[in-house]
Amino acid sequence: MAQMDPDAVAKAFVEHYYSTFDTNRAGLAGLYQEASMLTFEGQKIQGVQSIVAKLTSLPFQQCKHHISTVDCQPSGPASGMLVFVSGNLQLAGEEHALKFSQVFLSLFLTMYCFFSDSVHLDFLSVYRLIYLLDCRLACDFDN
């Protein structure tokens, strides 16, 4: 199998992740494993059901992520990848967007590549994300 460009993989993953987050947060379940961990504002959350429960219980229903940066680098011997994302989060009904940043550490268990009709990699099936170490929105939802 040919080596994939880490920047292209990271960009496609980020587009898929935030598109799904913005339209159907429960649909992110397929990207996690039971060993996955989400750290959100100091709270450590582990496992698919717990992570999805946290994401779906955030105090807003509609949002749109606008990505500013996606920086990535290969990480570790298991074809892992460290991805740093920053941008703006626009909440429905709010005039001003909130700044956010998020870090993903992924380790590939299996790699399946196929192309959908639109010739984009389908990352829900391309890989399964084992660890999501840090998810911190740089904003206060109570204000």
C-alpha atoms as a PDB file:
ATOM      1  CA  MET A   1       0.000   0.000   0.000  1.00  0.00           C
ATOM      2  CA  ALA A   2       1.343   3.434  -0.913  1.00  0.00           C
ATOM      3  CA  GLN A   3       2.211   5.879   1.857  1.00  0.00           C
ATOM      4  CA  MET A   4      -0.478   8.466   2.402  1.00  0.00           C
ATOM      5  CA  ASP A   5       0.453  12.110   2.866  1.00  0.00           C
ATOM      6  CA  PRO A   6      -0.020  12.848   6.618  1.00  0.00           C
ATOM      7  CA  ASP A   7      -1.176  16.404   5.911  1.00  0.00           C
ATOM      8  CA  ALA A   8      -3.833  15.172   3.473  1.00  0.00           C
ATOM      9  CA  VAL A   9      -4.982  12.495   5.938  1.00  0.00           C
ATOM     10  CA  ALA A  10      -5.186  15.037   8.772  1.00  0.00           C
ATOM     11  CA  LYS A  11      -7.061  17.577   6.654  1.00  0.00           C
ATOM     12  CA  ALA A  12      -9.596  14.987   5.468  1.00  0.00           C
ATOM     13  CA  PHE A  13     -10.049  13.678   9.023  1.00  0.00           C
ATOM     14  CA  VAL A  14     -10.585  17.190  10.410  1.00  0.00           C
ATOM     15  CA  GLU A  15     -13.109  18.031   7.687  1.00  0.00           C
ATOM     16  CA  HIS A  16     -15.003  14.814   8.395  1.00  0.00           C
ATOM     17  CA  TYR A  17     -14.850  15.197  12.186  1.00  0.00           C
ATOM     18  CA  TYR A  18     -16.133  18.770  12.333  1.00  0.00           C
ATOM     19  CA  SER A  19     -18.713  18.307   9.600  1.00  0.00           C
ATOM     20  CA  THR A  20     -20.107  15.384  11.590  1.00  0.00           C
ATOM     21  CA  PHE A  21     -19.826  17.291  14.887  1.00  0.00           C
ATOM     22  CA  ASP A  22     -21.789  20.199  13.409  1.00  0.00           C
ATOM     23  CA  THR A  23     -24.581  18.069  11.931  1.00  0.00           C
ATOM     24  CA  ASN A  24     -24.789  14.828  13.959  1.00  0.00           C
ATOM     25  CA  ARG A  25     -22.523  14.561  17.019  1.00  0.00           C
ATOM     26  CA  ALA A  26     -23.730  11.042  17.786  1.00  0.00           C
ATOM     27  CA  GLY A  27     -22.294  10.057  14.391  1.00  0.00           C
ATOM     28  CA  LEU A  28     -18.786  10.534  15.797  1.00  0.00           C
ATOM     29  CA  ALA A  29     -19.109   7.256  17.730  1.00  0.00           C
ATOM     30  CA  GLY A  30     -17.503   5.302  14.891  1.00  0.00           C
ATOM     31  CA  LEU A  31     -14.260   7.242  15.313  1.00  0.00           C
ATOM     32  CA  TYR A  32     -13.733   6.111  18.890  1.00  0.00           C
ATOM     33  CA  GLN A  33     -12.785   2.890  20.669  1.00  0.00           C
ATOM     34  CA  GLU A  34     -13.435   1.856  24.265  1.00  0.00           C
ATOM     35  CA  ALA A  35      -9.823   2.860  25.025  1.00  0.00           C
ATOM     36  CA  SER A  36     -10.398   6.361  23.598  1.00  0.00           C
ATOM     37  CA  MET A  37     -10.127   9.256  26.006  1.00  0.00           C
ATOM     38  CA  LEU A  38     -11.482  12.771  25.722  1.00  0.00           C
ATOM     39  CA  THR A  39     -10.232  15.475  28.065  1.00  0.00           C
ATOM     40  CA  PHE A  40     -12.684  18.356  28.120  1.00  0.00           C
ATOM     41  CA  GLU A  41     -12.092  21.348  30.392  1.00  0.00           C
ATOM     42  CA  GLY A  42     -10.153  19.164  32.841  1.00  0.00           C
ATOM     43  CA  GLN A  43     -12.636  16.266  32.841  1.00  0.00           C
ATOM     44  CA  LYS A  44     -11.313  12.917  31.546  1.00  0.00           C
ATOM     45  CA  ILE A  45     -13.948  10.892  29.702  1.00  0.00           C
ATOM     46  CA  GLN A  46     -13.217   7.366  28.443  1.00  0.00           C
ATOM     47  CA  GLY A  47     -15.089   5.015  26.134  1.00  0.00           C
ATOM     48  CA  VAL A  48     -17.335   5.439  23.127  1.00  0.00           C
ATOM     49  CA  GLN A  49     -20.637   5.862  24.960  1.00  0.00           C
ATOM     50  CA  SER A  50     -19.238   8.268  27.558  1.00  0.00           C
ATOM     51  CA  ILE A  51     -17.538  10.446  24.937  1.00  0.00           C
ATOM     52  CA  VAL A  52     -20.608  10.607  22.715  1.00  0.00           C
ATOM     53  CA  ALA A  53     -22.779  11.364  25.762  1.00  0.00           C
ATOM     54  CA  LYS A  54     -20.494  14.284  26.643  1.00  0.00           C
ATOM     55  CA  LEU A  55     -20.425  15.660  23.104  1.00  0.00           C
ATOM     56  CA  THR A  56     -24.196  15.395  22.667  1.00  0.00           C
ATOM     57  CA  SER A  57     -24.852  17.030  26.051  1.00  0.00           C
ATOM     58  CA  LEU A  58     -22.943  20.241  25.319  1.00  0.00           C
ATOM     59  CA  PRO A  59     -25.113  23.284  26.044  1.00  0.00           C
ATOM     60  CA  PHE A  60     -25.734  24.154  22.392  1.00  0.00           C
ATOM     61  CA  GLN A  61     -27.530  22.242  19.673  1.00  0.00           C
ATOM     62  CA  GLN A  62     -26.419  23.998  16.512  1.00  0.00           C
ATOM     63  CA  CYS A  63     -22.938  25.173  15.668  1.00  0.00           C
ATOM     64  CA  LYS A  64     -20.530  25.617  12.783  1.00  0.00           C
ATOM     65  CA  HIS A  65     -16.764  25.148  13.052  1.00  0.00           C
ATOM     66  CA  HIS A  66     -14.560  27.362  10.888  1.00  0.00           C
ATOM     67  CA  ILE A  67     -11.087  25.813  10.785  1.00  0.00           C
ATOM     68  CA  SER A  68      -8.094  28.176  10.735  1.00  0.00           C
ATOM     69  CA  THR A  69      -5.180  25.752  11.099  1.00  0.00           C
ATOM     70  CA  VAL A  70      -4.543  22.028  10.857  1.00  0.00           C
ATOM     71  CA  ASP A  71      -1.019  21.037  11.884  1.00  0.00           C
ATOM     72  CA  CYS A  72      -0.002  17.417  12.007  1.00  0.00           C
ATOM     73  CA  GLN A  73       2.985  15.175  12.396  1.00  0.00           C
ATOM     74  CA  PRO A  74       3.485  11.424  12.403  1.00  0.00           C
ATOM     75  CA  SER A  75       3.726  10.092  15.938  1.00  0.00           C
ATOM     76  CA  GLY A  76       5.073   6.817  17.280  1.00  0.00           C
ATOM     77  CA  PRO A  77       5.856   3.463  15.747  1.00  0.00           C
ATOM     78  CA  ALA A  78       2.192   2.471  15.227  1.00  0.00           C
ATOM     79  CA  SER A  79       1.620   4.920  12.347  1.00  0.00           C
ATOM     80  CA  GLY A  80       0.027   7.369  14.729  1.00  0.00           C
ATOM     81  CA  MET A  81      -0.598  11.006  14.049  1.00  0.00           C
ATOM     82  CA  LEU A  82      -0.719  14.092  16.244  1.00  0.00           C
ATOM     83  CA  VAL A  83      -3.131  16.716  14.873  1.00  0.00           C
ATOM     84  CA  PHE A  84      -3.592  20.238  16.250  1.00  0.00           C
ATOM     85  CA  VAL A  85      -6.652  22.168  15.086  1.00  0.00           C
ATOM     86  CA  SER A  86      -7.636  25.752  15.805  1.00  0.00           C
ATOM     87  CA  GLY A  87     -10.417  27.935  14.579  1.00  0.00           C
ATOM     88  CA  ASN A  88     -13.697  29.606  15.392  1.00  0.00           C
ATOM     89  CA  LEU A  89     -16.920  28.078  16.624  1.00  0.00           C
ATOM     90  CA  GLN A  90     -20.097  29.904  15.627  1.00  0.00           C
ATOM     91  CA  LEU A  91     -23.087  29.063  17.786  1.00  0.00           C
ATOM     92  CA  ALA A  92     -26.598  29.520  16.422  1.00  0.00           C
ATOM     93  CA  GLY A  93     -28.074  32.832  17.509  1.00  0.00           C
ATOM     94  CA  GLU A  94     -24.750  34.266  18.711  1.00  0.00           C
ATOM     95  CA  GLU A  95     -23.227  37.312  17.068  1.00  0.00           C
ATOM     96  CA  HIS A  96     -19.590  36.552  17.882  1.00  0.00           C
ATOM     97  CA  ALA A  97     -17.730  33.324  17.216  1.00  0.00           C
ATOM     98  CA  LEU A  98     -15.744  31.580  19.954  1.00  0.00           C
ATOM     99  CA  LYS A  99     -12.104  30.577  19.530  1.00  0.00           C
ATOM    100  CA  PHE A 100     -11.335  26.869  19.924  1.00  0.00           C
ATOM    101  CA  SER A 101      -8.403  24.500  19.737  1.00  0.00           C
ATOM    102  CA  GLN A 102      -8.336  20.729  19.766  1.00  0.00           C
ATOM    103  CA  VAL A 103      -5.577  18.122  19.711  1.00  0.00           C
ATOM    104  CA  PHE A 104      -6.055  14.597  18.383  1.00  0.00           C
ATOM    105  CA  LEU A 105      -3.645  11.720  18.879  1.00  0.00           C
ATOM    106  CA  SER A 106      -4.622   8.850  16.653  1.00  0.00           C
ATOM    107  CA  LEU A 107      -3.187   5.374  16.361  1.00  0.00           C
ATOM    108  CA  PHE A 108      -4.189   3.269  13.410  1.00  0.00           C
ATOM    109  CA  LEU A 109      -5.481  -0.201  14.177  1.00  0.00           C
ATOM    110  CA  THR A 110      -6.442  -1.045  10.649  1.00  0.00           C
ATOM    111  CA  MET A 111      -6.314   0.913   7.465  1.00  0.00           C
ATOM    112  CA  TYR A 112      -9.003   0.433   4.892  1.00  0.00           C
ATOM    113  CA  CYS A 113      -8.958   2.705   1.893  1.00  0.00           C
ATOM    114  CA  PHE A 114     -11.794   3.135  -0.512  1.00  0.00           C
ATOM    115  CA  PHE A 115     -13.177   6.091  -2.339  1.00  0.00           C
ATOM    116  CA  SER A 116     -16.745   7.239  -2.228  1.00  0.00           C
ATOM    117  CA  ASP A 117     -18.645   8.477  -5.259  1.00  0.00           C
ATOM    118  CA  SER A 118     -17.305  11.976  -4.659  1.00  0.00           C
ATOM    119  CA  VAL A 119     -13.705  10.629  -4.718  1.00  0.00           C
ATOM    120  CA  HIS A 120     -13.010  11.610  -1.104  1.00  0.00           C
ATOM    121  CA  LEU A 121     -11.666   9.127   1.389  1.00  0.00           C
ATOM    122  CA  ASP A 122     -14.400   7.986   3.729  1.00  0.00           C
ATOM    123  CA  PHE A 123     -12.616   8.398   7.049  1.00  0.00           C
ATOM    124  CA  LEU A 124     -15.358   6.763   9.051  1.00  0.00           C
ATOM    125  CA  SER A 125     -14.195   3.535   7.427  1.00  0.00           C
ATOM    126  CA  VAL A 126     -10.602   4.490   6.649  1.00  0.00           C
ATOM    127  CA  TYR A 127      -9.425   4.166  10.216  1.00  0.00           C
ATOM    128  CA  ARG A 128     -10.610   3.776  13.715  1.00  0.00           C
ATOM    129  CA  LEU A 129      -9.349   6.368  16.145  1.00  0.00           C
ATOM    130  CA  ILE A 130      -8.067   4.799  19.351  1.00  0.00           C
ATOM    131  CA  TYR A 131      -7.154   7.795  21.422  1.00  0.00           C
ATOM    132  CA  LEU A 132      -8.570  11.262  21.430  1.00  0.00           C
ATOM    133  CA  LEU A 133      -6.430  12.755  24.137  1.00  0.00           C
ATOM    134  CA  ASP A 134      -7.354  16.369  24.299  1.00  0.00           C
ATOM    135  CA  CYS A 135     -10.485  18.227  23.356  1.00  0.00           C
ATOM    136  CA  ARG A 136     -10.567  21.649  24.897  1.00  0.00           C
ATOM    137  CA  LEU A 137     -12.725  24.420  23.605  1.00  0.00           C
ATOM    138  CA  ALA A 138     -11.084  27.688  24.518  1.00  0.00           C
ATOM    139  CA  CYS A 139     -14.296  29.335  25.581  1.00  0.00           C
ATOM    140  CA  ASP A 140     -16.765  29.537  28.438  1.00  0.00           C
ATOM    141  CA  PHE A 141     -20.226  28.211  27.564  1.00  0.00           C
ATOM    142  CA  ASP A 142     -21.819  29.787  30.638  1.00  0.00           C
ATOM    143  CA  ASN A 143     -21.242  33.336  29.426  1.00  0.00           C
END
